[in-house]
């Protein structure tokens, strides 16, 4: 079981290993990296940045983002809304899940003052209006975008109305006395900036069909992180595509433009310190795996960089490919591929796995009683940056 540390700040990851001697996984958050990434996104996006809480909701992460200037949050559930609204008095939460329970809608509206609700179906629109009374609402219609092979996840397979249906929903919301918005999501870890231009063209066509001037336009998330072995365009290319697309739409200056970045902001800001508990030839058994922080490595093609940390004694200069096995008794708890590590890695060594800021702790389970939960701050350079 993970143990909370009374000391949360360390100079670097070896200092964490030296001080805690952890036999449990430790998330090593680099607040300077996180804050700089957030400030950069805020500075170049032509609108309001809503951090996607689902990506990493840890309080230490949210505090850094708040101090960096994030005041708007993409929330998908009542607990996420409560976490934001009860922690930051001047923050704004937006209910961006297209399907919501009636009691949840009522509490979000009446208790936490939520006014932006996403819908993608006429029944959901009726539900939101029924449970809130329809006063002072901004109904944001989720529009489906074309499937792209250049994303990790197709986020239009489950949610989103076709442009004609989205236009009809916009008109229906307007007729009920609500302000109206339009939203889309091109897919997670999108490596093609032109996808945003294509989606904005569809948004323009949808707005024209609706005949309703929107109060807001949400370009969603999908902005990528530069994982090991994955070449992605610079963030500026995405912003250029968005700016050009917005210019084509010629929206009124009063229209709010939103984005919902998650992965692009937090992925590089956190690494995971794991410990080797057994070695069998080229198989290393560590204390975290696919049921904990590393499930995305199985679900999609993400490769993460790893480095060995040994506090005493020399380390072999010869590198060897190792298979990393998770701690549970399930034989599928094995990370895909191999990790190049010193050939003499042994039980008791630590392995730092980089770029786990996104969809790691947020997806961790308690299977077999293993649950990574310890967070600390470190102030060294991330392994991926140091190797660049």
Protein backbone atom coordinates (compact mmCIF):
# COMPACT_ATOMS: atom_id res chain seq x y z
CA UNK A 1 0.00 0.00 0.00
CA UNK A 2 1.25 3.47 -0.84
CA UNK A 3 2.21 5.70 2.04
CA UNK A 4 1.88 9.45 2.23
CA UNK A 5 5.13 11.33 2.67
CA UNK A 6 5.39 14.16 5.17
CA UNK A 7 7.95 15.69 2.82
CA UNK A 8 6.51 16.43 -0.61
CA UNK A 9 9.30 18.41 -2.30
CA UNK A 10 12.56 16.95 -3.58
CA UNK A 11 15.37 18.23 -5.76
CA UNK A 12 15.18 15.29 -8.15
CA UNK A 13 13.90 11.73 -8.50
CA UNK A 14 17.01 10.06 -7.01
CA UNK A 15 16.41 12.21 -3.92
CA UNK A 16 12.91 10.74 -3.70
CA UNK A 17 14.32 7.22 -3.79
CA UNK A 18 16.98 8.10 -1.24
CA UNK A 19 14.59 9.73 1.22
CA UNK A 20 11.57 7.44 0.93
CA UNK A 21 13.16 4.14 -0.11
CA UNK A 22 9.74 3.45 -1.63
CA UNK A 23 8.54 -0.07 -2.25
CA UNK A 24 5.35 1.53 -3.61
CA UNK A 25 4.95 3.58 -6.82
CA UNK A 26 5.51 7.32 -6.56
CA UNK A 27 4.24 9.96 -8.97
CA UNK A 28 6.91 12.63 -9.41
CA UNK A 29 5.28 15.90 -10.43
CA UNK A 30 7.40 18.66 -11.96
CA UNK A 31 5.40 21.82 -11.20
CA UNK A 32 7.62 24.15 -13.23
CA UNK A 33 7.13 22.00 -16.34
CA UNK A 34 3.38 21.87 -15.79
CA UNK A 35 3.01 25.59 -15.13
CA UNK A 36 5.10 26.56 -18.15
CA UNK A 37 3.11 24.26 -20.46
CA UNK A 38 -0.18 25.65 -19.16
CA UNK A 39 0.94 29.27 -19.52
CA UNK A 40 2.14 28.60 -23.06
CA UNK A 41 -1.20 27.09 -24.06
CA UNK A 42 -3.09 30.00 -22.51
CA UNK A 43 -0.87 32.51 -24.31
CA UNK A 44 -1.30 31.10 -27.82
CA UNK A 45 -4.88 29.79 -27.84
CA UNK A 46 -7.31 32.37 -29.28
CA UNK A 47 -9.91 32.01 -26.56
CA UNK A 48 -10.54 30.53 -23.12
CA UNK A 49 -8.70 27.39 -21.98
CA UNK A 50 -10.76 24.79 -20.08
CA UNK A 51 -8.49 22.19 -18.49
CA UNK A 52 -9.96 18.68 -18.89
CA UNK A 53 -10.12 17.52 -15.27
CA UNK A 54 -10.60 13.86 -16.22
CA UNK A 55 -7.06 13.73 -17.61
CA UNK A 56 -5.46 14.19 -14.20
CA UNK A 57 -7.61 15.40 -11.29
CA UNK A 58 -4.99 15.20 -8.55
CA UNK A 59 -5.16 18.23 -6.20
CA UNK A 60 -1.44 18.95 -6.62
CA UNK A 61 -1.89 19.09 -10.39
CA UNK A 62 -4.97 21.31 -10.17
CA UNK A 63 -3.24 23.68 -7.75
CA UNK A 64 -0.31 24.18 -10.11
CA UNK A 65 -2.67 24.80 -13.02
CA UNK A 66 -4.68 27.28 -10.98
CA UNK A 67 -1.55 29.18 -9.99
CA UNK A 68 -0.51 29.17 -13.64
CA UNK A 69 -3.70 30.97 -14.61
CA UNK A 70 -6.25 28.25 -15.42
CA UNK A 71 -9.65 29.40 -14.16
CA UNK A 72 -11.95 27.36 -16.41
CA UNK A 73 -12.41 23.60 -16.21
CA UNK A 74 -13.98 20.94 -18.43
CA UNK A 75 -15.83 18.70 -15.97
CA UNK A 76 -17.69 15.48 -16.77
CA UNK A 77 -19.36 14.52 -13.49
CA UNK A 78 -20.74 15.96 -10.29
CA UNK A 79 -17.66 14.94 -8.24
CA UNK A 80 -15.41 16.78 -10.70
CA UNK A 81 -17.66 19.83 -10.55
CA UNK A 82 -17.65 19.72 -6.75
CA UNK A 83 -13.87 19.36 -6.63
CA UNK A 84 -13.38 22.50 -8.72
CA UNK A 85 -16.14 24.67 -7.28
CA UNK A 86 -15.44 23.80 -3.64
CA UNK A 87 -11.69 24.37 -4.02
CA UNK A 88 -11.46 27.51 -6.15
CA UNK A 89 -14.04 30.20 -5.44
CA UNK A 90 -13.38 32.11 -8.68
CA UNK A 91 -13.17 29.09 -10.99
CA UNK A 92 -15.74 28.17 -13.62
CA UNK A 93 -16.81 24.60 -14.36
CA UNK A 94 -18.60 23.47 -17.51
CA UNK A 95 -20.64 20.26 -17.68
CA UNK A 96 -19.21 18.79 -20.87
CA UNK A 97 -20.54 15.21 -20.66
CA UNK A 98 -23.34 14.71 -23.24
CA UNK A 99 -25.27 12.24 -21.02
CA UNK A 100 -26.15 13.12 -17.43
CA UNK A 101 -28.44 11.83 -14.70
CA UNK A 102 -31.41 14.00 -13.75
CA UNK A 103 -30.37 14.40 -10.13
CA UNK A 104 -26.85 15.29 -11.23
CA UNK A 105 -28.13 17.98 -13.60
CA UNK A 106 -30.27 19.48 -10.86
CA UNK A 107 -27.42 19.54 -8.31
CA UNK A 108 -24.92 20.96 -10.81
CA UNK A 109 -27.32 23.79 -11.66
CA UNK A 110 -28.78 24.56 -8.23
CA UNK A 111 -25.86 23.81 -5.91
CA UNK A 112 -22.82 24.71 -8.00
CA UNK A 113 -24.26 27.27 -10.39
CA UNK A 114 -23.35 25.42 -13.57
CA UNK A 115 -24.88 27.05 -16.64
CA UNK A 116 -23.08 25.40 -19.57
CA UNK A 117 -24.42 21.93 -20.40
CA UNK A 118 -23.42 19.82 -23.41
CA UNK A 119 -26.08 17.74 -25.22
CA UNK A 120 -26.10 15.68 -28.41
CA UNK A 121 -29.70 14.43 -28.46
CA UNK A 122 -33.15 15.97 -28.18
CA UNK A 123 -33.98 13.81 -25.13
CA UNK A 124 -30.93 15.13 -23.28
CA UNK A 125 -31.92 18.68 -24.15
CA UNK A 126 -35.39 18.09 -22.72
CA UNK A 127 -33.88 16.54 -19.60
CA UNK A 128 -31.58 19.51 -18.94
CA UNK A 129 -34.34 22.06 -19.45
CA UNK A 130 -36.78 20.07 -17.30
CA UNK A 131 -34.37 19.73 -14.38
CA UNK A 132 -33.10 23.33 -14.42
CA UNK A 133 -36.23 25.21 -15.47
CA UNK A 134 -34.32 26.45 -18.51
CA UNK A 135 -33.35 29.80 -17.01
CA UNK A 136 -29.95 31.31 -17.86
CA UNK A 137 -28.76 28.18 -19.67
CA UNK A 138 -26.12 27.79 -22.34
CA UNK A 139 -26.87 24.59 -24.23
CA UNK A 140 -23.72 23.48 -26.04
CA UNK A 141 -24.51 21.00 -28.82
CA UNK A 142 -21.86 18.35 -29.44
CA UNK A 143 -21.28 17.87 -33.18
CA UNK A 144 -19.82 14.70 -34.66
CA UNK A 145 -16.58 15.03 -36.64
CA UNK A 146 -15.13 12.71 -39.31
CA UNK A 147 -13.19 9.69 -38.09
CA UNK A 148 -9.43 10.19 -38.36
CA UNK A 149 -6.72 7.55 -38.39
CA UNK A 150 -4.34 10.12 -36.94
CA UNK A 151 -5.76 10.00 -33.41
CA UNK A 152 -5.44 7.53 -30.54
CA UNK A 153 -9.16 7.53 -29.76
CA UNK A 154 -12.10 8.29 -32.05
CA UNK A 155 -14.31 10.40 -29.78
CA UNK A 156 -17.17 10.68 -32.27
CA UNK A 157 -17.98 6.96 -32.14
CA UNK A 158 -19.92 7.37 -28.89
CA UNK A 159 -21.00 11.02 -28.79
CA UNK A 160 -21.93 13.74 -31.22
CA UNK A 161 -24.85 14.64 -33.47
CA UNK A 162 -24.50 14.82 -37.23
CA UNK A 163 -24.33 18.40 -38.53
CA UNK A 164 -28.02 18.41 -39.60
CA UNK A 165 -29.10 16.97 -36.24
CA UNK A 166 -26.80 19.37 -34.39
CA UNK A 167 -28.36 22.29 -36.26
CA UNK A 168 -31.84 21.07 -35.31
CA UNK A 169 -30.76 20.80 -31.67
CA UNK A 170 -29.39 24.35 -31.74
CA UNK A 171 -32.71 25.62 -33.06
CA UNK A 172 -34.65 23.62 -30.47
CA UNK A 173 -32.55 24.99 -27.62
CA UNK A 174 -32.92 28.52 -28.96
CA UNK A 175 -36.70 28.10 -29.18
CA UNK A 176 -36.73 27.07 -25.51
CA UNK A 177 -35.14 30.39 -24.59
CA UNK A 178 -31.61 29.10 -24.05
CA UNK A 179 -28.36 30.54 -25.28
CA UNK A 180 -26.76 28.10 -27.68
CA UNK A 181 -23.23 26.88 -28.34
CA UNK A 182 -21.54 24.31 -30.57
CA UNK A 183 -18.76 21.89 -29.61
CA UNK A 184 -16.73 19.14 -31.26
CA UNK A 185 -13.78 16.87 -30.47
CA UNK A 186 -11.50 15.66 -33.28
CA UNK A 187 -10.11 12.75 -31.22
CA UNK A 188 -7.46 12.25 -28.58
CA UNK A 189 -3.75 12.72 -29.41
CA UNK A 190 -4.52 14.16 -32.83
CA UNK A 191 -1.39 14.35 -34.98
CA UNK A 192 -3.05 16.24 -37.85
CA UNK A 193 -3.66 19.97 -37.25
CA UNK A 194 -5.87 20.16 -40.35
CA UNK A 195 -8.49 18.09 -38.49
CA UNK A 196 -9.38 21.25 -36.58
CA UNK A 197 -9.79 23.22 -39.80
CA UNK A 198 -12.06 20.50 -41.21
CA UNK A 199 -14.13 20.46 -38.02
CA UNK A 200 -14.43 24.25 -37.99
CA UNK A 201 -15.70 24.19 -41.57
CA UNK A 202 -18.37 21.69 -40.50
CA UNK A 203 -19.16 23.90 -37.52
CA UNK A 204 -19.72 26.84 -39.85
CA UNK A 205 -22.05 24.79 -42.02
CA UNK A 206 -23.94 23.64 -38.93
CA UNK A 207 -24.33 27.18 -37.62
CA UNK A 208 -25.60 28.30 -41.02
CA UNK A 209 -28.12 25.44 -41.12
CA UNK A 210 -29.27 26.28 -37.59
CA UNK A 211 -29.78 29.94 -38.32
CA UNK A 212 -28.84 30.68 -34.71
CA UNK A 213 -25.92 32.86 -33.65
CA UNK A 214 -23.90 30.84 -31.12
CA UNK A 215 -22.89 32.16 -27.72
CA UNK A 216 -19.82 29.92 -27.71
CA UNK A 217 -17.81 27.59 -29.91
CA UNK A 218 -15.77 24.80 -28.32
CA UNK A 219 -12.96 23.22 -30.37
CA UNK A 220 -12.53 20.46 -27.80
CA UNK A 221 -9.31 18.72 -26.87
CA UNK A 222 -7.13 16.30 -28.80
CA UNK A 223 -3.93 18.37 -28.70
CA UNK A 224 -1.07 15.85 -28.58
CA UNK A 225 1.86 15.13 -26.32
CA UNK A 226 5.24 14.31 -27.89
CA UNK A 227 5.63 10.76 -26.63
CA UNK A 228 8.82 8.78 -27.22
CA UNK A 229 9.13 7.76 -30.85
CA UNK A 230 6.10 9.81 -31.89
CA UNK A 231 6.64 12.89 -33.99
CA UNK A 232 3.85 15.43 -33.60
CA UNK A 233 3.53 18.91 -35.12
CA UNK A 234 4.27 21.90 -32.88
CA UNK A 235 1.35 23.34 -30.95
CA UNK A 236 1.61 26.52 -33.01
CA UNK A 237 0.48 24.58 -36.10
CA UNK A 238 -2.77 23.64 -34.35
CA UNK A 239 -3.36 27.20 -33.23
CA UNK A 240 -2.73 28.49 -36.74
CA UNK A 241 -5.30 26.07 -38.14
CA UNK A 242 -7.80 27.12 -35.48
CA UNK A 243 -7.22 30.83 -36.07
CA UNK A 244 -7.66 30.44 -39.82
CA UNK A 245 -10.81 28.37 -39.30
CA UNK A 246 -12.28 30.91 -36.90
CA UNK A 247 -11.52 33.72 -39.33
CA UNK A 248 -13.48 31.88 -42.03
CA UNK A 249 -16.48 31.65 -39.70
CA UNK A 250 -16.45 35.41 -39.06
CA UNK A 251 -18.17 35.02 -35.69
CA UNK A 252 -19.14 38.03 -33.62
CA UNK A 253 -16.45 39.23 -31.18
CA UNK A 254 -18.81 38.37 -28.31
CA UNK A 255 -18.74 34.64 -29.13
CA UNK A 256 -16.70 32.75 -26.53
CA UNK A 257 -14.16 30.33 -28.02
CA UNK A 258 -13.19 27.39 -25.81
CA UNK A 259 -10.64 24.57 -25.91
CA UNK A 260 -10.41 21.57 -23.58
CA UNK A 261 -6.74 20.51 -23.44
CA UNK A 262 -5.71 17.76 -21.06
CA UNK A 263 -2.97 15.47 -22.33
CA UNK A 264 -1.02 18.25 -24.06
CA UNK A 265 -0.77 20.16 -20.79
CA UNK A 266 -0.03 17.46 -18.22
CA UNK A 267 1.62 14.49 -19.98
CA UNK A 268 5.21 15.71 -19.73
CA UNK A 269 4.91 17.05 -16.20
CA UNK A 270 4.89 13.79 -14.28
CA UNK A 271 6.93 10.60 -14.15
CA UNK A 272 6.44 7.39 -12.19
CA UNK A 273 9.01 5.90 -9.83
CA UNK A 274 8.62 2.12 -9.66
CA UNK A 275 10.73 -0.53 -7.98
CA UNK A 276 12.06 -3.81 -9.33
CA UNK A 277 10.84 -6.58 -7.03
CA UNK A 278 12.14 -9.57 -8.97
CA UNK A 279 14.22 -10.32 -12.06
CA UNK A 280 13.79 -13.44 -14.20
CA UNK A 281 16.29 -13.24 -17.04
CA UNK A 282 14.95 -10.36 -19.18
CA UNK A 283 11.68 -10.10 -17.27
CA UNK A 284 11.42 -7.48 -14.52
CA UNK A 285 8.58 -7.52 -12.02
CA UNK A 286 7.74 -3.98 -10.87
CA UNK A 287 5.14 -2.55 -8.49
CA UNK A 288 2.89 -0.85 -11.04
CA UNK A 289 1.35 -1.98 -14.28
CA UNK A 290 -1.65 -2.01 -16.57
CA UNK A 291 -4.20 -2.04 -13.74
CA UNK A 292 -2.51 0.98 -12.20
CA UNK A 293 -0.79 3.89 -13.89
CA UNK A 294 0.10 2.33 -17.23
CA UNK A 295 -3.11 1.08 -18.83
CA UNK A 296 -2.83 3.40 -21.84
CA UNK A 297 0.23 1.52 -23.05
CA UNK A 298 -2.03 -1.47 -23.65
CA UNK A 299 -5.05 0.38 -25.02
CA UNK A 300 -3.18 2.45 -27.61
CA UNK A 301 0.28 2.70 -29.14
CA UNK A 302 2.13 4.83 -26.60
CA UNK A 303 5.77 4.21 -25.79
CA UNK A 304 7.26 5.65 -22.61
CA UNK A 305 10.90 6.28 -21.82
CA UNK A 306 12.43 4.64 -18.74
CA UNK A 307 15.68 5.06 -16.84
CA UNK A 308 17.30 3.14 -13.99
CA UNK A 309 17.93 4.69 -10.60
CA UNK A 310 20.41 2.97 -8.28
CA UNK A 311 21.58 4.75 -5.17
CA UNK A 312 24.84 2.88 -4.59
CA UNK A 313 27.25 1.02 -6.81
CA UNK A 314 28.12 1.18 -10.47
CA UNK A 315 25.59 0.66 -13.25
CA UNK A 316 26.39 -1.28 -16.41
CA UNK A 317 26.85 0.80 -19.53
CA UNK A 318 25.47 -2.05 -21.64
CA UNK A 319 21.77 -1.67 -22.37
CA UNK A 320 19.41 -4.59 -22.78
CA UNK A 321 15.71 -4.85 -23.70
CA UNK A 322 13.58 -5.87 -20.71
CA UNK A 323 9.93 -6.84 -20.40
CA UNK A 324 8.17 -5.10 -17.50
CA UNK A 325 5.60 -7.12 -15.56
CA UNK A 326 3.01 -5.48 -13.32
CA UNK A 327 2.40 -6.46 -9.69
CA UNK A 328 -0.97 -8.21 -9.95
CA UNK A 329 -1.48 -11.95 -10.23
CA UNK A 330 -3.11 -11.52 -13.64
CA UNK A 331 -0.82 -12.85 -16.36
CA UNK A 332 -1.99 -10.15 -18.80
CA UNK A 333 -0.50 -7.50 -16.50
CA UNK A 334 2.53 -7.07 -18.75
CA UNK A 335 3.52 -3.85 -20.49
CA UNK A 336 3.75 -4.15 -24.28
CA UNK A 337 7.12 -4.10 -25.98
CA UNK A 338 10.41 -3.80 -24.15
CA UNK A 339 12.31 -1.13 -22.26
CA UNK A 340 16.03 -0.57 -22.73
CA UNK A 341 17.73 -0.58 -19.33
CA UNK A 342 21.23 -1.36 -18.00
CA UNK A 343 21.99 -5.06 -18.37
CA UNK A 344 22.71 -5.50 -14.64
CA UNK A 345 19.35 -4.19 -13.37
CA UNK A 346 18.42 -6.08 -10.21
CA UNK A 347 15.86 -6.43 -7.46
CA UNK A 348 15.73 -3.28 -5.35
CA UNK A 349 16.60 -0.91 -8.19
CA UNK A 350 14.12 1.76 -9.15
CA UNK A 351 12.87 2.52 -12.66
CA UNK A 352 11.56 5.97 -13.52
CA UNK A 353 8.95 5.88 -16.31
CA UNK A 354 8.46 9.26 -17.95
CA UNK A 355 5.47 11.15 -19.42
CA UNK A 356 2.74 9.62 -17.25
CA UNK A 357 0.98 12.88 -16.38
CA UNK A 358 -2.06 12.07 -18.51
CA UNK A 359 -4.55 9.25 -17.92
CA UNK A 360 -2.40 7.44 -15.35
CA UNK A 361 -3.55 8.01 -11.76
CA UNK A 362 -6.95 8.98 -13.20
CA UNK A 363 -7.38 5.44 -14.57
CA UNK A 364 -5.77 3.44 -11.76
CA UNK A 365 -7.76 0.61 -10.18
CA UNK A 366 -7.49 -1.21 -6.85
CA UNK A 367 -7.23 -4.63 -8.44
CA UNK A 368 -5.48 -7.13 -6.16
CA UNK A 369 -5.13 -4.37 -3.55
CA UNK A 370 -2.48 -2.46 -5.50
CA UNK A 371 -3.19 1.26 -5.88
CA UNK A 372 -0.67 4.00 -6.73
CA UNK A 373 -1.49 7.16 -4.83
CA UNK A 374 1.67 8.90 -3.57
CA UNK A 375 2.50 12.23 -5.22
CA UNK A 376 5.64 14.30 -4.64
CA UNK A 377 7.18 17.35 -6.28
CA UNK A 378 10.56 17.18 -7.99
CA UNK A 379 12.50 19.97 -9.65
CA UNK A 380 14.83 18.26 -12.09
CA UNK A 381 14.55 17.94 -15.86
CA UNK A 382 12.20 15.20 -17.18
CA UNK A 383 14.01 12.17 -18.65
CA UNK A 384 12.55 12.74 -22.13
CA UNK A 385 13.76 16.35 -22.15
CA UNK A 386 17.17 15.40 -20.82
CA UNK A 387 17.58 12.79 -23.56
CA UNK A 388 16.52 15.14 -26.36
